[in-house]
């Protein structure tokens, strides 16, 4: 199954509708034995710029506090339940969920000039998709905290060197390299591949961390800090969090 993010004009920022389509596709992949691997790709120069800021702002102003205000939670929990192998082709920037979804991919190929970042604190938010567990496990606490709290980015070559990606290749080769890897996985014995993925991932722990993150994330969306961050983004200015005390 090839899942292609195709909102290049908006840097493939994910909307609620896109989250719904992705969630449905991944759920189908889990139950359809003819789907032996899932390949994530994107059109344009950017892999994924994260969540659509308009949806975020709407969720922050949703008085109901419903999880439905941000359907990304459904996508995130579907990632956590995955047993089919996932492959990603990252040709450009991967920001926020664009990065954290890669932590659930089993093979990741990035362009050498790609940049990966998780600037949740910049928007007064917290990590999601169990990344508060999975990113430090991949690259260590110090690097992960700098990416989360300071919004530091890593380039493709660094991502490969520290274990965020399998390989960094020229941009023109990323999708072909990832497709070849997905096809190689699809040729392997399916049940053995899925059993191996289950053994390598503690799904119960991942799910528990996702739930804790979701509670904190929803709380942060309602915070004065988040309101200031979204307002500053819309007004194209730097946020001033110190005024909030």
Protein backbone atom coordinates (compact mmCIF):
# COMPACT_ATOMS: atom_id res chain seq x y z
CA UNK A 1 0.00 0.00 0.00
CA UNK A 2 1.39 3.37 -1.06
CA UNK A 3 0.14 6.35 0.97
CA UNK A 4 1.12 9.64 -0.66
CA UNK A 5 0.72 12.99 1.08
CA UNK A 6 -0.45 15.28 -1.71
CA UNK A 7 -0.96 18.79 -0.34
CA UNK A 8 2.31 20.17 -1.61
CA UNK A 9 1.08 23.77 -1.82
CA UNK A 10 0.59 23.67 1.96
CA UNK A 11 3.80 21.73 2.61
CA UNK A 12 1.76 18.57 3.20
CA UNK A 13 0.51 19.86 6.54
CA UNK A 14 -2.02 17.31 7.78
CA UNK A 15 -5.68 18.26 8.07
CA UNK A 16 -8.36 16.35 9.97
CA UNK A 17 -9.60 14.94 6.66
CA UNK A 18 -6.11 13.71 5.78
CA UNK A 19 -5.75 12.13 9.21
CA UNK A 20 -9.05 10.32 8.68
CA UNK A 21 -7.98 8.97 5.30
CA UNK A 22 -4.62 7.82 6.67
CA UNK A 23 -6.23 6.15 9.67
CA UNK A 24 -8.72 4.26 7.51
CA UNK A 25 -5.98 3.13 5.14
CA UNK A 26 -3.76 1.84 7.94
CA UNK A 27 -6.68 0.02 9.56
CA UNK A 28 -7.36 -1.68 6.23
CA UNK A 29 -3.70 -2.62 5.90
CA UNK A 30 -3.87 -4.46 9.22
CA UNK A 31 -6.74 -6.71 8.13
CA UNK A 32 -6.02 -7.17 4.41
CA UNK A 33 -3.47 -9.94 3.91
CA UNK A 34 -2.86 -8.83 0.35
CA UNK A 35 -1.19 -5.72 1.81
CA UNK A 36 2.23 -6.91 2.93
CA UNK A 37 3.92 -3.52 3.52
CA UNK A 38 2.94 0.15 3.75
CA UNK A 39 4.99 2.86 2.04
CA UNK A 40 4.64 6.52 3.08
CA UNK A 41 5.61 9.10 0.46
CA UNK A 42 4.88 12.75 -0.28
CA UNK A 43 4.65 15.04 -3.28
CA UNK A 44 6.57 18.29 -3.52
CA UNK A 45 9.69 19.44 -1.71
CA UNK A 46 8.42 18.85 1.85
CA UNK A 47 7.54 15.47 3.36
CA UNK A 48 5.22 16.87 6.03
CA UNK A 49 5.14 20.22 7.82
CA UNK A 50 3.17 18.77 10.74
CA UNK A 51 -0.40 19.57 11.70
CA UNK A 52 -2.42 22.16 9.86
CA UNK A 53 -2.23 25.20 12.14
CA UNK A 54 -5.83 26.13 11.33
CA UNK A 55 -7.07 22.82 12.72
CA UNK A 56 -4.91 23.35 15.79
CA UNK A 57 -6.32 26.82 16.36
CA UNK A 58 -9.87 25.47 15.95
CA UNK A 59 -9.18 22.74 18.49
CA UNK A 60 -7.79 25.28 20.92
CA UNK A 61 -11.04 27.21 20.65
CA UNK A 62 -13.34 24.16 20.84
CA UNK A 63 -15.26 24.60 24.06
CA UNK A 64 -16.33 20.95 24.09
CA UNK A 65 -12.77 19.75 24.61
CA UNK A 66 -13.59 16.77 22.43
CA UNK A 67 -10.83 14.59 21.02
CA UNK A 68 -12.73 14.80 17.73
CA UNK A 69 -11.48 18.37 17.39
CA UNK A 70 -8.07 16.92 16.44
CA UNK A 71 -8.55 13.63 14.58
CA UNK A 72 -4.81 13.15 14.56
CA UNK A 73 -5.22 11.16 17.76
CA UNK A 74 -6.92 8.38 15.78
CA UNK A 75 -4.00 8.25 13.35
CA UNK A 76 -1.49 8.21 16.19
CA UNK A 77 -3.17 5.34 18.00
CA UNK A 78 -3.42 3.41 14.73
CA UNK A 79 0.34 3.81 14.32
CA UNK A 80 0.79 2.38 17.79
CA UNK A 81 -1.24 -0.72 16.93
CA UNK A 82 0.62 -1.45 13.70
CA UNK A 83 1.95 -4.92 12.99
CA UNK A 84 2.47 -4.63 9.22
CA UNK A 85 5.89 -3.25 8.22
CA UNK A 86 6.04 0.47 7.42
CA UNK A 87 8.56 2.16 5.11
CA UNK A 88 8.99 5.92 4.63
CA UNK A 89 10.53 8.03 1.87
CA UNK A 90 11.40 11.48 3.26
CA UNK A 91 12.46 13.83 0.48
CA UNK A 92 12.37 17.09 2.45
CA UNK A 93 11.39 18.63 5.76
CA UNK A 94 9.63 16.41 8.31
CA UNK A 95 8.21 18.52 11.13
CA UNK A 96 6.22 17.52 14.22
CA UNK A 97 4.03 14.56 13.37
CA UNK A 98 5.99 14.39 10.11
CA UNK A 99 8.89 13.24 12.27
CA UNK A 100 7.10 11.33 15.02
CA UNK A 101 5.29 9.08 12.54
CA UNK A 102 8.72 7.97 11.32
CA UNK A 103 9.40 6.48 14.75
CA UNK A 104 6.71 3.90 13.90
CA UNK A 105 8.25 3.10 10.51
CA UNK A 106 10.55 0.11 10.33
CA UNK A 107 12.65 1.39 7.44
CA UNK A 108 13.20 5.10 6.77
CA UNK A 109 15.08 6.62 3.85
CA UNK A 110 15.78 10.35 3.84
CA UNK A 111 17.25 12.84 1.41
CA UNK A 112 20.67 14.05 2.46
CA UNK A 113 19.38 17.64 2.56
CA UNK A 114 16.14 16.76 4.39
CA UNK A 115 15.62 18.20 7.86
CA UNK A 116 13.78 16.52 10.71
CA UNK A 117 12.39 18.47 13.67
CA UNK A 118 9.88 18.18 16.50
CA UNK A 119 9.33 21.76 17.75
CA UNK A 120 6.33 21.03 19.96
CA UNK A 121 7.41 23.33 22.77
CA UNK A 122 7.71 26.19 20.25
CA UNK A 123 3.90 25.95 19.97
CA UNK A 124 3.51 25.50 23.74
CA UNK A 125 2.62 21.83 23.20
CA UNK A 126 4.13 18.48 24.15
CA UNK A 127 5.36 15.47 22.14
CA UNK A 128 2.87 12.96 20.72
CA UNK A 129 2.73 9.55 19.00
CA UNK A 130 4.72 8.04 21.90
CA UNK A 131 7.69 10.10 20.76
CA UNK A 132 8.47 11.06 24.37
CA UNK A 133 9.38 7.36 24.75
CA UNK A 134 10.56 6.41 21.27
CA UNK A 135 12.76 9.36 20.32
CA UNK A 136 15.00 9.21 23.45
CA UNK A 137 15.22 5.44 22.95
CA UNK A 138 16.52 6.04 19.42
CA UNK A 139 18.89 8.96 19.90
CA UNK A 140 19.33 9.48 23.66
CA UNK A 141 17.77 11.90 26.13
CA UNK A 142 20.04 14.88 25.46
CA UNK A 143 19.49 14.95 21.69
CA UNK A 144 15.78 14.22 22.02
CA UNK A 145 15.24 16.98 24.61
CA UNK A 146 17.03 19.50 22.40
CA UNK A 147 14.77 18.54 19.48
CA UNK A 148 11.62 18.77 21.61
CA UNK A 149 12.32 21.74 23.88
CA UNK A 150 14.49 23.89 21.62
CA UNK A 151 13.09 22.81 18.28
CA UNK A 152 16.54 21.79 17.02
CA UNK A 153 16.55 20.08 13.63
CA UNK A 154 18.82 17.38 12.24
CA UNK A 155 19.70 16.95 8.58
CA UNK A 156 19.38 13.73 6.63
CA UNK A 157 22.97 12.63 7.04
CA UNK A 158 22.83 13.20 10.79
CA UNK A 159 19.48 11.38 11.00
CA UNK A 160 21.07 8.31 9.43
CA UNK A 161 24.15 8.56 11.63
CA UNK A 162 22.17 8.70 14.91
CA UNK A 163 19.61 6.03 14.01
CA UNK A 164 16.59 8.08 12.95
CA UNK A 165 16.91 6.75 9.41
CA UNK A 166 18.36 3.71 7.68
CA UNK A 167 20.13 5.74 5.02
CA UNK A 168 20.52 9.24 3.63
CA UNK A 169 20.58 9.32 -0.17
CA UNK A 170 20.35 11.95 -2.92
CA UNK A 171 16.86 13.46 -3.07
CA UNK A 172 16.23 12.04 -6.54
CA UNK A 173 16.82 8.50 -5.26
CA UNK A 174 14.74 8.57 -2.06
CA UNK A 175 11.44 7.25 -3.39
CA UNK A 176 13.04 4.53 -5.52
CA UNK A 177 15.16 3.37 -2.58
CA UNK A 178 12.15 3.22 -0.27
CA UNK A 179 10.01 1.44 -2.87
CA UNK A 180 12.69 -1.19 -3.36
CA UNK A 181 12.81 -1.74 0.40
CA UNK A 182 9.02 -2.03 0.62
CA UNK A 183 8.99 -4.53 -2.25
CA UNK A 184 11.72 -6.55 -0.54
CA UNK A 185 9.66 -6.66 2.66
CA UNK A 186 6.55 -7.67 0.71
CA UNK A 187 8.46 -10.66 -0.66
CA UNK A 188 9.29 -11.91 2.83
CA UNK A 189 7.04 -14.34 4.77
CA UNK A 190 4.30 -12.02 6.07
CA UNK A 191 3.55 -13.69 9.39
CA UNK A 192 7.23 -13.90 10.30
CA UNK A 193 7.74 -10.20 9.49
CA UNK A 194 4.71 -9.16 11.56
CA UNK A 195 5.71 -11.40 14.47
CA UNK A 196 9.18 -9.86 14.42
CA UNK A 197 7.74 -6.35 14.50
CA UNK A 198 5.49 -7.27 17.44
CA UNK A 199 8.46 -8.68 19.35
CA UNK A 200 10.51 -5.55 18.74
CA UNK A 201 7.77 -3.17 19.95
CA UNK A 202 6.05 -3.08 23.33
CA UNK A 203 2.60 -2.16 22.02
CA UNK A 204 1.08 -1.98 25.50
CA UNK A 205 3.72 0.46 26.71
CA UNK A 206 3.48 2.51 23.52
CA UNK A 207 -0.30 2.73 23.90
CA UNK A 208 -0.03 3.79 27.54
CA UNK A 209 2.47 6.54 26.69
CA UNK A 210 0.24 7.74 23.84
CA UNK A 211 -2.68 8.06 26.24
CA UNK A 212 -0.64 10.11 28.72
CA UNK A 213 0.65 12.32 25.93
CA UNK A 214 -2.87 12.79 24.54
CA UNK A 215 -4.18 14.02 27.90
CA UNK A 216 -1.31 16.48 28.27
CA UNK A 217 -1.56 17.55 24.62
CA UNK A 218 -5.28 18.31 24.95
CA UNK A 219 -4.62 20.31 28.11
CA UNK A 220 -1.84 22.26 26.41
CA UNK A 221 -4.11 23.12 23.45
CA UNK A 222 -6.35 25.00 25.89
CA UNK A 223 -3.50 26.80 27.62
CA UNK A 224 -2.82 30.53 27.46
CA UNK A 225 0.64 29.72 26.13
CA UNK A 226 -0.81 27.80 23.18
CA UNK A 227 -3.29 30.58 22.42
CA UNK A 228 -0.39 33.05 22.34
CA UNK A 229 1.68 30.71 20.13
CA UNK A 230 -1.11 30.29 17.58
CA UNK A 231 -1.94 34.01 17.61
CA UNK A 232 1.71 34.87 17.05
CA UNK A 233 1.90 32.40 14.17
CA UNK A 234 -1.16 33.94 12.53
CA UNK A 235 0.22 37.44 13.05
CA UNK A 236 3.68 36.45 11.75
CA UNK A 237 5.49 37.58 14.89
CA UNK A 238 7.54 35.98 17.64
CA UNK A 239 5.43 34.79 20.60
CA UNK A 240 5.93 36.45 23.97
CA UNK A 241 5.47 33.79 26.63
CA UNK A 242 7.04 35.84 29.41
CA UNK A 243 4.03 38.13 29.53
CA UNK A 244 2.01 35.15 30.76
CA UNK A 245 4.05 34.84 33.94
